[in-house]
Amino acid sequence: MNEEIINRLKQKLEKVIEVFKEDLATIRTGRAKPDLVENVLIEAYGGKMKLFEVANISAPDPSLITVTPWDKSLVKNIEKAISESQLQLSTNVSGDMIRIPVPALTQERRQDL
């Protein structure tokens, strides 16, 4: 019986740790990193999908994230979802690539985080 309880607690704690890791990945540190936008939900193919499921995401330099969708018809949906997300990021579309400049953190934002 004790072993069963311990196993259930381990499973719950593993889930908590996983959620915590996901939360840490979305903290803005002033550097661009793909983890910041990979879980943004996109309207695609009649449902909602995470951005990393429909596009290639990269950070070619410390202040820029680029998103290149595999299906070019999703560019507008991706742009809209990122702009409307809680991340407060702006987007620039050039052809079939979406550029997301990541501004440096202000003192106010650092304190909020």
PDB file of N, CA and C in Angstrom:
ATOM      1  N   MET A   1       0.821  -1.194   0.000  1.00  0.00           N
ATOM      2  CA  MET A   1       0.000   0.000   0.000  1.00  0.00           C
ATOM      3  C   MET A   1       0.868   1.262   0.000  1.00  0.00           C
ATOM      4  N   ASN A   2       1.875   1.296   0.842  1.00  0.00           N
ATOM      5  CA  ASN A   2       2.764   2.453   0.889  1.00  0.00           C
ATOM      6  C   ASN A   2       3.480   2.654  -0.449  1.00  0.00           C
ATOM      7  N   GLU A   3       3.860   1.557  -1.055  1.00  0.00           N
ATOM      8  CA  GLU A   3       4.553   1.639  -2.348  1.00  0.00           C
ATOM      9  C   GLU A   3       3.637   2.226  -3.421  1.00  0.00           C
ATOM     10  N   GLU A   4       2.362   1.886  -3.374  1.00  0.00           N
ATOM     11  CA  GLU A   4       1.386   2.431  -4.322  1.00  0.00           C
ATOM     12  C   GLU A   4       1.241   3.944  -4.151  1.00  0.00           C
ATOM     13  N   ILE A   5       1.181   4.369  -2.915  1.00  0.00           N
ATOM     14  CA  ILE A   5       1.065   5.802  -2.628  1.00  0.00           C
ATOM     15  C   ILE A   5       2.315   6.534  -3.109  1.00  0.00           C
ATOM     16  N   ILE A   6       3.458   5.972  -2.855  1.00  0.00           N
ATOM     17  CA  ILE A   6       4.716   6.588  -3.286  1.00  0.00           C
ATOM     18  C   ILE A   6       4.774   6.688  -4.806  1.00  0.00           C
ATOM     19  N   ASN A   7       4.350   5.643  -5.501  1.00  0.00           N
ATOM     20  CA  ASN A   7       4.355   5.673  -6.967  1.00  0.00           C
ATOM     21  C   ASN A   7       3.420   6.748  -7.510  1.00  0.00           C
ATOM     22  N   ARG A   8       2.235   6.887  -6.904  1.00  0.00           N
ATOM     23  CA  ARG A   8       1.307   7.929  -7.344  1.00  0.00           C
ATOM     24  C   ARG A   8       1.888   9.318  -7.095  1.00  0.00           C
ATOM     25  N   LEU A   9       2.513   9.510  -5.950  1.00  0.00           N
ATOM     26  CA  LEU A   9       3.137  10.795  -5.647  1.00  0.00           C
ATOM     27  C   LEU A   9       4.274  11.107  -6.616  1.00  0.00           C
ATOM     28  N   LYS A  10       5.059  10.100  -6.954  1.00  0.00           N
ATOM     29  CA  LYS A  10       6.154  10.294  -7.917  1.00  0.00           C
ATOM     30  C   LYS A  10       5.609  10.757  -9.267  1.00  0.00           C
ATOM     31  N   GLN A  11       4.520  10.121  -9.715  1.00  0.00           N
ATOM     32  CA  GLN A  11       3.921  10.501 -10.994  1.00  0.00           C
ATOM     33  C   GLN A  11       3.422  11.942 -10.960  1.00  0.00           C
ATOM     34  N   LYS A  12       2.776  12.323  -9.881  1.00  0.00           N
ATOM     35  CA  LYS A  12       2.263  13.689  -9.757  1.00  0.00           C
ATOM     36  C   LYS A  12       3.414  14.696  -9.710  1.00  0.00           C
ATOM     37  N   LEU A  13       4.457  14.368  -8.977  1.00  0.00           N
ATOM     38  CA  LEU A  13       5.598  15.272  -8.887  1.00  0.00           C
ATOM     39  C   LEU A  13       6.314  15.408 -10.235  1.00  0.00           C
ATOM     40  N   GLU A  14       6.384  14.336 -10.981  1.00  0.00           N
ATOM     41  CA  GLU A  14       6.995  14.408 -12.315  1.00  0.00           C
ATOM     42  C   GLU A  14       6.209  15.345 -13.217  1.00  0.00           C
ATOM     43  N   LYS A  15       4.880  15.309 -13.114  1.00  0.00           N
ATOM     44  CA  LYS A  15       4.040  16.227 -13.901  1.00  0.00           C
ATOM     45  C   LYS A  15       4.274  17.668 -13.474  1.00  0.00           C
ATOM     46  N   VAL A  16       4.375  17.892 -12.167  1.00  0.00           N
ATOM     47  CA  VAL A  16       4.624  19.250 -11.657  1.00  0.00           C
ATOM     48  C   VAL A  16       5.966  19.761 -12.168  1.00  0.00           C
ATOM     49  N   ILE A  17       6.976  18.919 -12.127  1.00  0.00           N
ATOM     50  CA  ILE A  17       8.307  19.317 -12.601  1.00  0.00           C
ATOM     51  C   ILE A  17       8.264  19.641 -14.084  1.00  0.00           C
ATOM     52  N   GLU A  18       7.545  18.867 -14.867  1.00  0.00           N
ATOM     53  CA  GLU A  18       7.434  19.116 -16.305  1.00  0.00           C
ATOM     54  C   GLU A  18       6.760  20.457 -16.586  1.00  0.00           C
ATOM     55  N   VAL A  19       5.687  20.758 -15.875  1.00  0.00           N
ATOM     56  CA  VAL A  19       5.004  22.042 -16.042  1.00  0.00           C
ATOM     57  C   VAL A  19       5.926  23.186 -15.632  1.00  0.00           C
ATOM     58  N   PHE A  20       6.655  22.999 -14.548  1.00  0.00           N
ATOM     59  CA  PHE A  20       7.590  24.019 -14.085  1.00  0.00           C
ATOM     60  C   PHE A  20       8.676  24.275 -15.129  1.00  0.00           C
ATOM     61  N   LYS A  21       9.197  23.225 -15.743  1.00  0.00           N
ATOM     62  CA  LYS A  21      10.203  23.380 -16.807  1.00  0.00           C
ATOM     63  C   LYS A  21       9.635  24.166 -17.982  1.00  0.00           C
ATOM     64  N   GLU A  22       8.394  23.873 -18.357  1.00  0.00           N
ATOM     65  CA  GLU A  22       7.756  24.606 -19.453  1.00  0.00           C
ATOM     66  C   GLU A  22       7.601  26.079 -19.099  1.00  0.00           C
ATOM     67  N   ASP A  23       7.231  26.360 -17.854  1.00  0.00           N
ATOM     68  CA  ASP A  23       7.097  27.745 -17.409  1.00  0.00           C
ATOM     69  C   ASP A  23       8.442  28.465 -17.439  1.00  0.00           C
ATOM     70  N   LEU A  24       9.482  27.801 -16.998  1.00  0.00           N
ATOM     71  CA  LEU A  24      10.811  28.409 -17.023  1.00  0.00           C
ATOM     72  C   LEU A  24      11.262  28.712 -18.448  1.00  0.00           C
ATOM     73  N   ALA A  25      10.887  27.870 -19.372  1.00  0.00           N
ATOM     74  CA  ALA A  25      11.299  28.066 -20.766  1.00  0.00           C
ATOM     75  C   ALA A  25      10.687  29.313 -21.372  1.00  0.00           C
ATOM     76  N   THR A  26       9.562  29.761 -20.845  1.00  0.00           N
ATOM     77  CA  THR A  26       8.888  30.921 -21.427  1.00  0.00           C
ATOM     78  C   THR A  26       9.279  32.240 -20.769  1.00  0.00           C
ATOM     79  N   ILE A  27      10.136  32.189 -19.767  1.00  0.00           N
ATOM     80  CA  ILE A  27      10.572  33.436 -19.135  1.00  0.00           C
ATOM     81  C   ILE A  27      11.498  34.172 -20.090  1.00  0.00           C
ATOM     82  N   ARG A  28      11.186  35.434 -20.285  1.00  0.00           N
ATOM     83  CA  ARG A  28      12.001  36.251 -21.176  1.00  0.00           C
ATOM     84  C   ARG A  28      13.222  36.754 -20.432  1.00  0.00           C
ATOM     85  N   THR A  29      14.370  36.465 -20.979  1.00  0.00           N
ATOM     86  CA  THR A  29      15.619  36.876 -20.348  1.00  0.00           C
ATOM     87  C   THR A  29      16.299  37.991 -21.128  1.00  0.00           C
ATOM     88  N   GLY A  30      15.640  38.489 -22.154  1.00  0.00           N
ATOM     89  CA  GLY A  30      16.263  39.503 -22.990  1.00  0.00           C
ATOM     90  C   GLY A  30      16.977  38.880 -24.177  1.00  0.00           C
ATOM     91  N   ARG A  31      17.040  37.573 -24.234  1.00  0.00           N
ATOM     92  CA  ARG A  31      17.636  36.850 -25.359  1.00  0.00           C
ATOM     93  C   ARG A  31      16.530  36.112 -26.097  1.00  0.00           C
ATOM     94  N   ALA A  32      16.666  36.093 -27.383  1.00  0.00           N
ATOM     95  CA  ALA A  32      15.702  35.356 -28.194  1.00  0.00           C
ATOM     96  C   ALA A  32      15.989  33.864 -28.073  1.00  0.00           C
ATOM     97  N   LYS A  33      14.946  33.095 -27.826  1.00  0.00           N
ATOM     98  CA  LYS A  33      15.095  31.640 -27.828  1.00  0.00           C
ATOM     99  C   LYS A  33      13.798  31.025 -28.336  1.00  0.00           C
ATOM    100  N   PRO A  34      13.901  30.000 -29.156  1.00  0.00           N
ATOM    101  CA  PRO A  34      12.711  29.391 -29.761  1.00  0.00           C
ATOM    102  C   PRO A  34      11.673  28.926 -28.746  1.00  0.00           C
ATOM    103  N   ASP A  35      12.100  28.509 -27.570  1.00  0.00           N
ATOM    104  CA  ASP A  35      11.160  28.044 -26.534  1.00  0.00           C
ATOM    105  C   ASP A  35      10.119  29.102 -26.195  1.00  0.00           C
ATOM    106  N   LEU A  36      10.461  30.339 -26.409  1.00  0.00           N
ATOM    107  CA  LEU A  36       9.570  31.440 -26.053  1.00  0.00           C
ATOM    108  C   LEU A  36       8.243  31.376 -26.807  1.00  0.00           C
ATOM    109  N   VAL A  37       8.266  30.931 -28.061  1.00  0.00           N
ATOM    110  CA  VAL A  37       7.050  30.937 -28.879  1.00  0.00           C
ATOM    111  C   VAL A  37       6.573  29.553 -29.314  1.00  0.00           C
ATOM    112  N   GLU A  38       7.312  28.519 -29.016  1.00  0.00           N
ATOM    113  CA  GLU A  38       6.985  27.209 -29.581  1.00  0.00           C
ATOM    114  C   GLU A  38       5.631  26.655 -29.168  1.00  0.00           C
ATOM    115  N   ASN A  39       5.091  27.091 -28.038  1.00  0.00           N
ATOM    116  CA  ASN A  39       3.802  26.565 -27.574  1.00  0.00           C
ATOM    117  C   ASN A  39       2.622  27.489 -27.852  1.00  0.00           C
ATOM    118  N   VAL A  40       2.841  28.549 -28.629  1.00  0.00           N
ATOM    119  CA  VAL A  40       1.736  29.428 -29.018  1.00  0.00           C
ATOM    120  C   VAL A  40       0.763  28.606 -29.866  1.00  0.00           C
ATOM    121  N   LEU A  41      -0.523  28.711 -29.567  1.00  0.00           N
ATOM    122  CA  LEU A  41      -1.527  27.930 -30.296  1.00  0.00           C
ATOM    123  C   LEU A  41      -1.931  28.649 -31.576  1.00  0.00           C
ATOM    124  N   ILE A  42      -1.918  27.909 -32.677  1.00  0.00           N
ATOM    125  CA  ILE A  42      -2.200  28.421 -34.012  1.00  0.00           C
ATOM    126  C   ILE A  42      -3.467  27.766 -34.535  1.00  0.00           C
ATOM    127  N   GLU A  43      -4.329  28.561 -35.184  1.00  0.00           N
ATOM    128  CA  GLU A  43      -5.477  27.987 -35.899  1.00  0.00           C
ATOM    129  C   GLU A  43      -4.932  27.333 -37.167  1.00  0.00           C
ATOM    130  N   ALA A  44      -5.051  26.015 -37.251  1.00  0.00           N
ATOM    131  CA  ALA A  44      -4.524  25.309 -38.413  1.00  0.00           C
ATOM    132  C   ALA A  44      -5.311  24.025 -38.654  1.00  0.00           C
ATOM    133  N   TYR A  45      -5.671  23.817 -39.884  1.00  0.00           N
ATOM    134  CA  TYR A  45      -6.313  22.576 -40.314  1.00  0.00           C
ATOM    135  C   TYR A  45      -7.564  22.246 -39.507  1.00  0.00           C
ATOM    136  N   GLY A  46      -8.355  23.263 -39.195  1.00  0.00           N
ATOM    137  CA  GLY A  46      -9.622  23.059 -38.516  1.00  0.00           C
ATOM    138  C   GLY A  46      -9.516  22.887 -37.017  1.00  0.00           C
ATOM    139  N   GLY A  47      -8.360  23.160 -36.445  1.00  0.00           N
ATOM    140  CA  GLY A  47      -8.191  23.026 -34.998  1.00  0.00           C
ATOM    141  C   GLY A  47      -7.069  23.916 -34.510  1.00  0.00           C
ATOM    142  N   LYS A  48      -6.645  23.669 -33.294  1.00  0.00           N
ATOM    143  CA  LYS A  48      -5.533  24.415 -32.705  1.00  0.00           C
ATOM    144  C   LYS A  48      -4.312  23.510 -32.645  1.00  0.00           C
ATOM    145  N   MET A  49      -3.180  24.057 -33.069  1.00  0.00           N
ATOM    146  CA  MET A  49      -1.919  23.316 -33.023  1.00  0.00           C
ATOM    147  C   MET A  49      -0.857  24.226 -32.429  1.00  0.00           C
ATOM    148  N   LYS A  50       0.138  23.617 -31.791  1.00  0.00           N
ATOM    149  CA  LYS A  50       1.247  24.397 -31.264  1.00  0.00           C
ATOM    150  C   LYS A  50       2.150  24.813 -32.424  1.00  0.00           C
ATOM    151  N   LEU A  51       2.775  25.967 -32.270  1.00  0.00           N
ATOM    152  CA  LEU A  51       3.595  26.522 -33.339  1.00  0.00           C
ATOM    153  C   LEU A  51       4.693  25.561 -33.796  1.00  0.00           C
ATOM    154  N   PHE A  52       5.340  24.882 -32.859  1.00  0.00           N
ATOM    155  CA  PHE A  52       6.422  23.980 -33.250  1.00  0.00           C
ATOM    156  C   PHE A  52       5.933  22.793 -34.087  1.00  0.00           C
ATOM    157  N   GLU A  53       4.618  22.547 -34.096  1.00  0.00           N
ATOM    158  CA  GLU A  53       4.058  21.450 -34.889  1.00  0.00           C
ATOM    159  C   GLU A  53       3.828  21.846 -36.346  1.00  0.00           C
ATOM    160  N   VAL A  54       3.857  23.152 -36.636  1.00  0.00           N
ATOM    161  CA  VAL A  54       3.549  23.604 -37.996  1.00  0.00           C
ATOM    162  C   VAL A  54       4.655  24.439 -38.629  1.00  0.00           C
ATOM    163  N   ALA A  55       5.764  24.655 -37.886  1.00  0.00           N
ATOM    164  CA  ALA A  55       6.798  25.541 -38.413  1.00  0.00           C
ATOM    165  C   ALA A  55       8.163  25.222 -37.825  1.00  0.00           C
ATOM    166  N   ASN A  56       9.172  25.709 -38.526  1.00  0.00           N
ATOM    167  CA  ASN A  56      10.539  25.655 -38.034  1.00  0.00           C
ATOM    168  C   ASN A  56      10.793  26.964 -37.284  1.00  0.00           C
ATOM    169  N   ILE A  57      11.299  26.874 -36.064  1.00  0.00           N
ATOM    170  CA  ILE A  57      11.543  28.048 -35.237  1.00  0.00           C
ATOM    171  C   ILE A  57      13.033  28.093 -34.926  1.00  0.00           C
ATOM    172  N   SER A  58      13.645  29.264 -35.140  1.00  0.00           N
ATOM    173  CA  SER A  58      15.061  29.391 -34.814  1.00  0.00           C
ATOM    174  C   SER A  58      15.360  30.783 -34.276  1.00  0.00           C
ATOM    175  N   ALA A  59      16.528  30.907 -33.674  1.00  0.00           N
ATOM    176  CA  ALA A  59      16.988  32.194 -33.139  1.00  0.00           C
ATOM    177  C   ALA A  59      18.379  32.458 -33.716  1.00  0.00           C
ATOM    178  N   PRO A  60      18.438  33.091 -34.907  1.00  0.00           N
ATOM    179  CA  PRO A  60      19.722  33.300 -35.563  1.00  0.00           C
ATOM    180  C   PRO A  60      20.642  34.285 -34.850  1.00  0.00           C
ATOM    181  N   ASP A  61      20.079  35.157 -34.027  1.00  0.00           N
ATOM    182  CA  ASP A  61      20.913  36.037 -33.206  1.00  0.00           C
ATOM    183  C   ASP A  61      20.191  36.315 -31.888  1.00  0.00           C
ATOM    184  N   PRO A  62      20.852  36.926 -30.919  1.00  0.00           N
ATOM    185  CA  PRO A  62      20.272  37.077 -29.580  1.00  0.00           C
ATOM    186  C   PRO A  62      19.024  37.958 -29.494  1.00  0.00           C
ATOM    187  N   SER A  63      18.697  38.684 -30.549  1.00  0.00           N
ATOM    188  CA  SER A  63      17.536  39.566 -30.465  1.00  0.00           C
ATOM    189  C   SER A  63      16.471  39.261 -31.520  1.00  0.00           C
ATOM    190  N   LEU A  64      16.522  38.083 -32.126  1.00  0.00           N
ATOM    191  CA  LEU A  64      15.581  37.767 -33.201  1.00  0.00           C
ATOM    192  C   LEU A  64      15.204  36.293 -33.199  1.00  0.00           C
ATOM    193  N   ILE A  65      13.898  36.043 -33.345  1.00  0.00           N
ATOM    194  CA  ILE A  65      13.380  34.688 -33.545  1.00  0.00           C
ATOM    195  C   ILE A  65      12.785  34.667 -34.943  1.00  0.00           C
ATOM    196  N   THR A  66      13.061  33.625 -35.705  1.00  0.00           N
ATOM    197  CA  THR A  66      12.444  33.483 -37.020  1.00  0.00           C
ATOM    198  C   THR A  66      11.563  32.245 -37.029  1.00  0.00           C
ATOM    199  N   VAL A  67      10.436  32.370 -37.716  1.00  0.00           N
ATOM    200  CA  VAL A  67       9.476  31.272 -37.837  1.00  0.00           C
ATOM    201  C   VAL A  67       9.212  31.061 -39.323  1.00  0.00           C
ATOM    202  N   THR A  68       9.454  29.853 -39.800  1.00  0.00           N
ATOM    203  CA  THR A  68       9.194  29.516 -41.192  1.00  0.00           C
ATOM    204  C   THR A  68       8.202  28.356 -41.225  1.00  0.00           C
ATOM    205  N   PRO A  69       6.937  28.652 -41.561  1.00  0.00           N
ATOM    206  CA  PRO A  69       5.938  27.572 -41.578  1.00  0.00           C
ATOM    207  C   PRO A  69       6.189  26.604 -42.731  1.00  0.00           C
ATOM    208  N   TRP A  70       5.868  25.347 -42.485  1.00  0.00           N
ATOM    209  CA  TRP A  70       6.019  24.343 -43.529  1.00  0.00           C
ATOM    210  C   TRP A  70       4.927  24.503 -44.576  1.00  0.00           C
ATOM    211  N   ASP A  71       3.760  24.965 -44.147  1.00  0.00           N
ATOM    212  CA  ASP A  71       2.660  25.252 -45.060  1.00  0.00           C
ATOM    213  C   ASP A  71       2.525  26.772 -45.133  1.00  0.00           C
ATOM    214  N   LYS A  72       2.871  27.334 -46.268  1.00  0.00           N
ATOM    215  CA  LYS A  72       2.929  28.796 -46.421  1.00  0.00           C
ATOM    216  C   LYS A  72       1.579  29.473 -46.208  1.00  0.00           C
ATOM    217  N   SER A  73       0.485  28.728 -46.310  1.00  0.00           N
ATOM    218  CA  SER A  73      -0.839  29.322 -46.107  1.00  0.00           C
ATOM    219  C   SER A  73      -1.104  29.655 -44.634  1.00  0.00           C
ATOM    220  N   LEU A  74      -0.240  29.224 -43.731  1.00  0.00           N
ATOM    221  CA  LEU A  74      -0.432  29.473 -42.304  1.00  0.00           C
ATOM    222  C   LEU A  74       0.254  30.740 -41.802  1.00  0.00           C
ATOM    223  N   VAL A  75       0.945  31.458 -42.687  1.00  0.00           N
ATOM    224  CA  VAL A  75       1.706  32.641 -42.262  1.00  0.00           C
ATOM    225  C   VAL A  75       0.819  33.636 -41.529  1.00  0.00           C
ATOM    226  N   LYS A  76      -0.343  33.967 -42.090  1.00  0.00           N
ATOM    227  CA  LYS A  76      -1.231  34.955 -41.459  1.00  0.00           C
ATOM    228  C   LYS A  76      -1.747  34.461 -40.104  1.00  0.00           C
ATOM    229  N   ASN A  77      -2.080  33.178 -40.004  1.00  0.00           N
ATOM    230  CA  ASN A  77      -2.566  32.619 -38.739  1.00  0.00           C
ATOM    231  C   ASN A  77      -1.477  32.659 -37.667  1.00  0.00           C
ATOM    232  N   ILE A  78      -0.254  32.364 -38.066  1.00  0.00           N
ATOM    233  CA  ILE A  78       0.864  32.388 -37.125  1.00  0.00           C
ATOM    234  C   ILE A  78       1.116  33.819 -36.654  1.00  0.00           C
ATOM    235  N   GLU A  79       1.137  34.737 -37.602  1.00  0.00           N
ATOM    236  CA  GLU A  79       1.361  36.150 -37.257  1.00  0.00           C
ATOM    237  C   GLU A  79       0.297  36.629 -36.262  1.00  0.00           C
ATOM    238  N   LYS A  80      -0.951  36.291 -36.533  1.00  0.00           N
ATOM    239  CA  LYS A  80      -2.057  36.710 -35.673  1.00  0.00           C
ATOM    240  C   LYS A  80      -1.926  36.104 -34.272  1.00  0.00           C
ATOM    241  N   ALA A  81      -1.623  34.821 -34.202  1.00  0.00           N
ATOM    242  CA  ALA A  81      -1.538  34.139 -32.907  1.00  0.00           C
ATOM    243  C   ALA A  81      -0.403  34.704 -32.052  1.00  0.00           C
ATOM    244  N   ILE A  82       0.731  34.993 -32.660  1.00  0.00           N
ATOM    245  CA  ILE A  82       1.852  35.552 -31.901  1.00  0.00           C
ATOM    246  C   ILE A  82       1.519  36.958 -31.427  1.00  0.00           C
ATOM    247  N   SER A  83       0.927  37.757 -32.295  1.00  0.00           N
ATOM    248  CA  SER A  83       0.575  39.128 -31.929  1.00  0.00           C
ATOM    249  C   SER A  83      -0.462  39.175 -30.809  1.00  0.00           C
ATOM    250  N   GLU A  84      -1.385  38.210 -30.788  1.00  0.00           N
ATOM    251  CA  GLU A  84      -2.440  38.183 -29.779  1.00  0.00           C
ATOM    252  C   GLU A  84      -2.061  37.421 -28.511  1.00  0.00           C
ATOM    253  N   SER A  85      -0.886  36.808 -28.504  1.00  0.00           N
ATOM    254  CA  SER A  85      -0.472  36.032 -27.334  1.00  0.00           C
ATOM    255  C   SER A  85      -0.098  36.957 -26.180  1.00  0.00           C
ATOM    256  N   GLN A  86       0.075  36.387 -25.026  1.00  0.00           N
ATOM    257  CA  GLN A  86       0.432  37.151 -23.827  1.00  0.00           C
ATOM    258  C   GLN A  86       1.908  37.545 -23.828  1.00  0.00           C
ATOM    259  N   LEU A  87       2.642  37.162 -24.846  1.00  0.00           N
ATOM    260  CA  LEU A  87       4.075  37.435 -24.904  1.00  0.00           C
ATOM    261  C   LEU A  87       4.393  38.890 -25.216  1.00  0.00           C
ATOM    262  N   GLN A  88       3.431  39.610 -25.737  1.00  0.00           N
ATOM    263  CA  GLN A  88       3.603  41.023 -26.091  1.00  0.00           C
ATOM    264  C   GLN A  88       4.767  41.222 -27.065  1.00  0.00           C
ATOM    265  N   LEU A  89       4.780  40.395 -28.109  1.00  0.00           N
ATOM    266  CA  LEU A  89       5.806  40.502 -29.141  1.00  0.00           C
ATOM    267  C   LEU A  89       5.171  40.970 -30.443  1.00  0.00           C
ATOM    268  N   SER A  90       5.923  41.736 -31.204  1.00  0.00           N
ATOM    269  CA  SER A  90       5.440  42.157 -32.518  1.00  0.00           C
ATOM    270  C   SER A  90       6.069  41.252 -33.578  1.00  0.00           C
ATOM    271  N   THR A  91       5.448  41.218 -34.749  1.00  0.00           N
ATOM    272  CA  THR A  91       5.948  40.364 -35.825  1.00  0.00           C
ATOM    273  C   THR A  91       6.173  41.183 -37.088  1.00  0.00           C
ATOM    274  N   ASN A  92       7.114  40.728 -37.892  1.00  0.00           N
ATOM    275  CA  ASN A  92       7.368  41.296 -39.215  1.00  0.00           C
ATOM    276  C   ASN A  92       7.365  40.141 -40.206  1.00  0.00           C
ATOM    277  N   VAL A  93       6.502  40.222 -41.205  1.00  0.00           N
ATOM    278  CA  VAL A  93       6.427  39.160 -42.205  1.00  0.00           C
ATOM    279  C   VAL A  93       7.202  39.592 -43.433  1.00  0.00           C
ATOM    280  N   SER A  94       8.092  38.727 -43.887  1.00  0.00           N
ATOM    281  CA  SER A  94       8.805  38.980 -45.134  1.00  0.00           C
ATOM    282  C   SER A  94       8.750  37.695 -45.961  1.00  0.00           C
ATOM    283  N   GLY A  95       7.874  37.704 -46.946  1.00  0.00           N
ATOM    284  CA  GLY A  95       7.666  36.513 -47.765  1.00  0.00           C
ATOM    285  C   GLY A  95       6.983  35.431 -46.954  1.00  0.00           C
ATOM    286  N   ASP A  96       7.651  34.296 -46.841  1.00  0.00           N
ATOM    287  CA  ASP A  96       7.072  33.187 -46.077  1.00  0.00           C
ATOM    288  C   ASP A  96       7.756  33.011 -44.719  1.00  0.00           C
ATOM    289  N   MET A  97       8.512  34.015 -44.292  1.00  0.00           N
ATOM    290  CA  MET A  97       9.185  33.965 -42.997  1.00  0.00           C
ATOM    291  C   MET A  97       8.637  35.057 -42.077  1.00  0.00           C
ATOM    292  N   ILE A  98       8.478  34.699 -40.820  1.00  0.00           N
ATOM    293  CA  ILE A  98       8.019  35.653 -39.812  1.00  0.00           C
ATOM    294  C   ILE A  98       9.200  35.947 -38.904  1.00  0.00           C
ATOM    295  N   ARG A  99       9.510  37.224 -38.777  1.00  0.00           N
ATOM    296  CA  ARG A  99      10.603  37.655 -37.897  1.00  0.00           C
ATOM    297  C   ARG A  99       9.986  38.273 -36.648  1.00  0.00           C
ATOM    298  N   ILE A 100      10.523  37.869 -35.502  1.00  0.00           N
ATOM    299  CA  ILE A 100      10.021  38.362 -34.226  1.00  0.00           C
ATOM    300  C   ILE A 100      11.195  38.989 -33.470  1.00  0.00           C
ATOM    301  N   PRO A 101      11.285  40.314 -33.500  1.00  0.00           N
ATOM    302  CA  PRO A 101      12.350  40.955 -32.720  1.00  0.00           C
ATOM    303  C   PRO A 101      12.043  40.862 -31.227  1.00  0.00           C
ATOM    304  N   VAL A 102      13.034  40.488 -30.442  1.00  0.00           N
ATOM    305  CA  VAL A 102      12.863  40.365 -28.997  1.00  0.00           C
ATOM    306  C   VAL A 102      13.577  41.545 -28.350  1.00  0.00           C
ATOM    307  N   PRO A 103      12.803  42.490 -27.822  1.00  0.00           N
ATOM    308  CA  PRO A 103      13.429  43.675 -27.227  1.00  0.00           C
ATOM    309  C   PRO A 103      14.136  43.338 -25.914  1.00  0.00           C
ATOM    310  N   ALA A 104      15.112  44.151 -25.568  1.00  0.00           N
ATOM    311  CA  ALA A 104      15.796  43.981 -24.283  1.00  0.00           C
ATOM    312  C   ALA A 104      14.805  44.248 -23.155  1.00  0.00           C
ATOM    313  N   LEU A 105      15.022  43.597 -22.038  1.00  0.00           N
ATOM    314  CA  LEU A 105      14.126  43.773 -20.897  1.00  0.00           C
ATOM    315  C   LEU A 105      14.359  45.126 -20.239  1.00  0.00           C
ATOM    316  N   THR A 106      13.262  45.761 -19.866  1.00  0.00           N
ATOM    317  CA  THR A 106      13.344  47.009 -19.112  1.00  0.00           C
ATOM    318  C   THR A 106      13.408  46.682 -17.626  1.00  0.00           C
ATOM    319  N   GLN A 107      13.770  47.651 -16.824  1.00  0.00           N
ATOM    320  CA  GLN A 107      13.833  47.443 -15.380  1.00  0.00           C
ATOM    321  C   GLN A 107      12.467  47.055 -14.821  1.00  0.00           C
ATOM    322  N   GLU A 108      11.400  47.684 -15.327  1.00  0.00           N
ATOM    323  CA  GLU A 108      10.035  47.356 -14.882  1.00  0.00           C
ATOM    324  C   GLU A 108       9.699  45.905 -15.154  1.00  0.00           C
ATOM    325  N   ARG A 109      10.000  45.466 -16.366  1.00  0.00           N
ATOM    326  CA  ARG A 109       9.680  44.090 -16.766  1.00  0.00           C
ATOM    327  C   ARG A 109      10.481  43.086 -15.943  1.00  0.00           C
ATOM    328  N   ARG A 110      11.728  43.400 -15.659  1.00  0.00           N
ATOM    329  CA  ARG A 110      12.546  42.511 -14.826  1.00  0.00           C
ATOM    330  C   ARG A 110      11.921  42.334 -13.445  1.00  0.00           C
ATOM    331  N   GLN A 111      11.453  43.441 -12.883  1.00  0.00           N
ATOM    332  CA  GLN A 111      10.831  43.378 -11.566  1.00  0.00           C
ATOM    333  C   GLN A 111       9.538  42.570 -11.612  1.00  0.00           C
ATOM    334  N   ASP A 112       8.771  42.725 -12.696  1.00  0.00           N
ATOM    335  CA  ASP A 112       7.540  41.945 -12.848  1.00  0.00           C
ATOM    336  C   ASP A 112       7.841  40.454 -12.872  1.00  0.00           C
ATOM    337  N   LEU A 113       8.868  40.082 -13.622  1.00  0.00           N
ATOM    338  CA  LEU A 113       9.220  38.671 -13.718  1.00  0.00           C
ATOM    339  C   LEU A 113       9.732  38.152 -12.391  1.00  0.00           C
TER     340      LEU A 113
END
